[in-house]
Protein backbone atom coordinates (compact mmCIF):
# COMPACT_ATOMS: atom_id res chain seq x y z
CA UNK A 1 110.87 15.76 0.94
CA UNK A 2 111.73 16.01 -2.70
CA UNK A 3 112.25 19.43 -4.24
CA UNK A 4 112.57 19.60 -8.03
CA UNK A 5 115.06 21.76 -9.73
CA UNK A 6 113.65 25.34 -9.55
CA UNK A 7 110.71 24.21 -7.23
CA UNK A 8 110.33 25.09 -3.74
CA UNK A 9 108.29 23.27 -0.73
CA UNK A 10 104.72 23.46 -1.03
CA UNK A 11 101.83 21.59 -2.86
CA UNK A 12 102.49 18.73 -5.38
CA UNK A 13 105.50 18.86 -7.60
CA UNK A 14 106.48 16.48 -10.44
CA UNK A 15 109.62 14.22 -9.67
CA UNK A 16 112.05 12.45 -11.70
CA UNK A 17 110.41 10.21 -14.29
CA UNK A 18 107.12 12.03 -13.68
CA UNK A 19 106.58 10.77 -10.16
CA UNK A 20 104.70 12.98 -7.84
CA UNK A 21 105.39 13.90 -4.16
CA UNK A 22 103.26 16.18 -1.81
CA UNK A 23 106.07 18.37 -0.11
CA UNK A 24 105.79 20.11 3.36
CA UNK A 25 105.20 23.78 3.43
CA UNK A 26 106.25 26.43 5.97
CA UNK A 27 104.11 29.22 7.04
CA UNK A 28 103.81 32.17 4.94
CA UNK A 29 106.24 34.85 5.37
CA UNK A 30 104.80 38.56 5.17
CA UNK A 31 108.32 40.55 5.96
CA UNK A 32 109.69 42.38 2.86
CA UNK A 33 112.17 40.02 1.31
CA UNK A 34 112.79 41.59 -2.15
CA UNK A 35 115.27 44.41 -2.87
CA UNK A 36 115.16 46.52 -5.89
CA UNK A 37 117.50 45.90 -8.74
CA UNK A 38 117.84 49.70 -9.25
CA UNK A 39 118.24 52.60 -6.81
CA UNK A 40 114.76 53.28 -5.22
CA UNK A 41 114.77 57.06 -6.50
CA UNK A 42 115.16 55.55 -10.24
CA UNK A 43 112.32 55.12 -12.85
CA UNK A 44 111.10 51.45 -12.23
CA UNK A 45 112.11 49.48 -15.50
CA UNK A 46 108.97 47.24 -15.63
CA UNK A 47 108.79 44.74 -18.34
CA UNK A 48 105.41 43.49 -19.52
CA UNK A 49 104.58 40.48 -21.57
CA UNK A 50 102.16 40.94 -24.40
CA UNK A 51 98.69 40.39 -22.76
CA UNK A 52 95.46 39.30 -24.22
CA UNK A 53 91.89 40.64 -23.57
CA UNK A 54 89.97 39.29 -20.62
CA UNK A 55 86.53 37.64 -21.13
CA UNK A 56 83.65 39.77 -19.98
CA UNK A 57 82.98 37.63 -17.09
CA UNK A 58 86.36 38.10 -15.83
CA UNK A 59 86.46 41.83 -16.10
CA UNK A 60 86.38 42.60 -12.52
CA UNK A 61 89.62 40.44 -11.83
CA UNK A 62 92.84 42.12 -11.23
CA UNK A 63 94.90 39.74 -13.19
CA UNK A 64 96.60 40.19 -16.40
CA UNK A 65 96.20 37.05 -19.27
CA UNK A 66 98.81 35.84 -21.76
CA UNK A 67 98.30 33.51 -24.64
CA UNK A 68 99.90 29.89 -24.51
CA UNK A 69 102.20 31.17 -27.09
CA UNK A 70 103.64 33.71 -25.19
CA UNK A 71 103.83 31.42 -21.96
CA UNK A 72 105.89 28.87 -24.24
CA UNK A 73 108.12 32.03 -25.19
CA UNK A 74 108.69 32.71 -21.36
CA UNK A 75 109.42 29.01 -20.76
CA UNK A 76 111.96 28.92 -23.82
CA UNK A 77 113.55 32.29 -23.17
CA UNK A 78 112.59 33.51 -26.56
CA UNK A 79 110.93 36.54 -28.22
CA UNK A 80 109.40 38.66 -25.28
CA UNK A 81 110.52 35.84 -22.80
CA UNK A 82 113.95 36.88 -23.10
CA UNK A 83 113.40 40.26 -21.02
CA UNK A 84 112.77 38.15 -18.05
CA UNK A 85 114.90 35.65 -15.98
CA UNK A 86 113.28 32.83 -13.66
CA UNK A 87 109.81 31.57 -14.27
CA UNK A 88 107.63 29.17 -12.60
CA UNK A 89 104.14 27.69 -13.55
CA UNK A 90 101.49 27.45 -10.95
CA UNK A 91 98.61 24.91 -11.67
CA UNK A 92 95.48 25.61 -9.52
CA UNK A 93 93.66 22.55 -10.69
CA UNK A 94 92.73 19.69 -8.24
CA UNK A 95 95.34 16.99 -7.40
CA UNK A 96 93.88 14.47 -9.55
CA UNK A 97 93.63 16.60 -12.65
CA UNK A 98 97.32 17.69 -11.94
CA UNK A 99 98.50 14.23 -11.78
CA UNK A 100 96.58 13.04 -14.99
CA UNK A 101 98.65 15.72 -17.37
CA UNK A 102 100.23 18.90 -16.58
CA UNK A 103 102.80 21.47 -18.01
CA UNK A 104 106.35 20.24 -17.45
CA UNK A 105 107.88 21.54 -14.18
CA UNK A 106 104.74 23.18 -13.11
CA UNK A 107 103.84 23.06 -9.29
CA UNK A 108 100.52 22.28 -8.01
CA UNK A 109 98.24 24.27 -5.62
CA UNK A 110 94.69 23.52 -5.23
CA UNK A 111 92.25 25.96 -3.87
CA UNK A 112 92.75 24.17 -0.55
CA UNK A 113 96.52 24.81 -0.65
CA UNK A 114 96.78 28.77 -1.01
CA UNK A 115 98.68 29.00 2.05
CA UNK A 116 101.17 26.77 1.18
CA UNK A 117 101.11 28.37 -2.19
CA UNK A 118 102.06 31.75 -0.61
CA UNK A 119 104.93 30.19 1.37
CA UNK A 120 106.27 28.88 -1.99
CA UNK A 121 106.21 32.17 -3.48
CA UNK A 122 107.86 33.84 -0.69
CA UNK A 123 110.85 31.47 -1.18
CA UNK A 124 110.65 31.80 -5.26
CA UNK A 125 110.82 35.60 -4.64
CA UNK A 126 113.66 35.44 -2.33
CA UNK A 127 115.65 33.22 -4.88
CA UNK A 128 115.30 36.02 -7.34
CA UNK A 129 116.89 38.62 -5.06
CA UNK A 130 119.61 40.86 -7.08
CA UNK A 131 118.47 39.40 -10.24
CA UNK A 132 119.05 41.88 -13.20
CA UNK A 133 115.81 40.36 -14.82
CA UNK A 134 112.39 40.40 -13.43
CA UNK A 135 110.82 37.01 -12.73
CA UNK A 136 107.39 35.59 -14.24
CA UNK A 137 104.77 33.32 -12.34
CA UNK A 138 102.26 31.72 -14.96
CA UNK A 139 98.98 30.65 -13.22
CA UNK A 140 96.19 28.28 -14.69
CA UNK A 141 93.49 25.97 -13.88
CA UNK A 142 91.51 23.89 -16.39
CA UNK A 143 89.95 26.92 -18.51
CA UNK A 144 91.54 29.76 -16.42
CA UNK A 145 88.13 31.19 -15.58
CA UNK A 146 87.73 30.79 -11.58
CA UNK A 147 90.51 28.63 -9.90
CA UNK A 148 93.38 30.14 -11.85
CA UNK A 149 92.50 33.90 -11.57
CA UNK A 150 91.54 33.57 -8.11
CA UNK A 151 94.99 31.83 -7.26
CA UNK A 152 96.79 34.73 -9.42
CA UNK A 153 95.07 37.23 -7.35
CA UNK A 154 96.12 35.71 -4.18
CA UNK A 155 99.63 35.49 -5.15
CA UNK A 156 99.82 39.07 -6.42
CA UNK A 157 98.47 40.34 -3.14
CA UNK A 158 101.02 38.25 -1.29
CA UNK A 159 104.00 39.31 -3.39
CA UNK A 160 102.87 43.09 -3.10
CA UNK A 161 103.11 42.50 0.73
CA UNK A 162 106.59 40.92 0.56
CA UNK A 163 108.13 42.84 -2.42
CA UNK A 164 107.27 46.62 -2.15
CA UNK A 165 109.47 47.44 -5.11
CA UNK A 166 107.88 46.73 -8.31
CA UNK A 167 111.32 45.98 -10.04
CA UNK A 168 112.02 43.50 -7.62
CA UNK A 169 108.67 41.72 -7.49
CA UNK A 170 107.68 38.55 -9.54
CA UNK A 171 105.18 39.32 -12.27
CA UNK A 172 101.87 37.23 -12.05
CA UNK A 173 100.03 36.30 -15.52
CA UNK A 174 97.06 33.95 -16.01
CA UNK A 175 97.24 31.73 -18.98
CA UNK A 176 94.13 32.36 -20.80
CA UNK A 177 91.90 29.18 -21.74
CA UNK A 178 94.03 27.28 -19.22
CA UNK A 179 95.30 23.76 -19.72
CA UNK A 180 92.53 22.37 -21.66
CA UNK A 181 93.84 24.57 -24.76
CA UNK A 182 97.43 24.69 -23.98
CA UNK A 183 97.66 20.68 -23.79
CA UNK A 184 96.10 20.87 -27.29
CA UNK A 185 98.51 23.37 -28.70
CA UNK A 186 101.58 21.98 -27.11
CA UNK A 187 101.19 18.52 -26.16
CA UNK A 188 105.03 18.15 -26.15
CA UNK A 189 105.03 20.83 -23.41
CA UNK A 190 103.03 18.53 -21.02
CA UNK A 191 103.54 15.61 -19.19
CA UNK A 192 102.56 12.71 -19.58
CA UNK A 193 102.76 14.18 -23.44
CA UNK A 194 99.19 15.51 -24.66
CA UNK A 195 97.69 13.83 -21.29
CA UNK A 196 94.66 15.57 -19.56
CA UNK A 197 91.95 14.96 -17.06
CA UNK A 198 88.92 17.16 -16.93
CA UNK A 199 87.76 18.20 -13.53
CA UNK A 200 84.33 16.77 -14.30
CA UNK A 201 85.80 13.45 -15.46
CA UNK A 202 83.24 10.47 -14.37
CA UNK A 203 86.21 8.62 -12.97
CA UNK A 204 87.04 11.13 -10.41
CA UNK A 205 83.25 12.01 -9.03
CA UNK A 206 84.27 11.24 -5.77
CA UNK A 207 87.41 13.22 -5.74
CA UNK A 208 85.67 16.27 -7.00
CA UNK A 209 82.83 15.70 -4.29
CA UNK A 210 85.70 15.97 -1.74
CA UNK A 211 86.78 19.25 -2.88
CA UNK A 212 83.02 20.35 -3.05
CA UNK A 213 82.31 19.19 0.55
CA UNK A 214 85.42 21.46 1.75
CA UNK A 215 83.52 24.70 0.30
CA UNK A 216 86.02 25.19 -2.65
CA UNK A 217 83.07 26.70 -4.62
CA UNK A 218 81.46 28.52 -1.85
CA UNK A 219 82.65 31.95 -3.14
CA UNK A 220 81.20 31.16 -6.83
CA UNK A 221 78.19 33.30 -7.08
CA UNK A 222 77.27 31.51 -10.54
CA UNK A 223 76.99 27.83 -10.20
CA UNK A 224 78.23 27.20 -13.67
CA UNK A 225 81.60 28.38 -12.60
CA UNK A 226 81.89 24.90 -10.62
CA UNK A 227 82.64 23.48 -14.15
CA UNK A 228 85.45 25.37 -14.76
């Protein structure tokens, strides 16, 4: 089992030289494991990143969106990113998309691996225990229209259960426009550099069908979401 620096078991994670390894994941833990960085009776110092407006189709989603520029600020600890400590990028696309190109140091959890994602989040939050700065998790899919927001909502709900204190809870944001736009704007922040495999890539028709057969899109009321 390979666990990269800053990563925790669960999903697919990038290894040395860009190799990939599926790593085992434990069962999700729902016992509160986060402790506040300030007294419980003190005002909660919540630091928020600059967010961007949601598209009308995502208005009902209880998630916040950030731009690619702000995401890079978080990764490089500059500008608004200096207010935060540890960060992680969660890629909610399918395995073949991730392996075809992804944001450096991202961890991969497709819609079929949300339980493993929550296990990973529990351990990520535990690692930040006692930190004086809040941590950030940035989630995305190809266009951040369905799979990314869905994963972010699941993460947020799980973190609320294990981290009752807002000051100790990792903050979850969705990368607006997803990997499709990020790789164009910041190809050097991706591995392999500038590489991108679309969900509907003709070379992976059978792989996509396997996900469809397992009901990944059953909750999508609009069939057009299946292309997102």
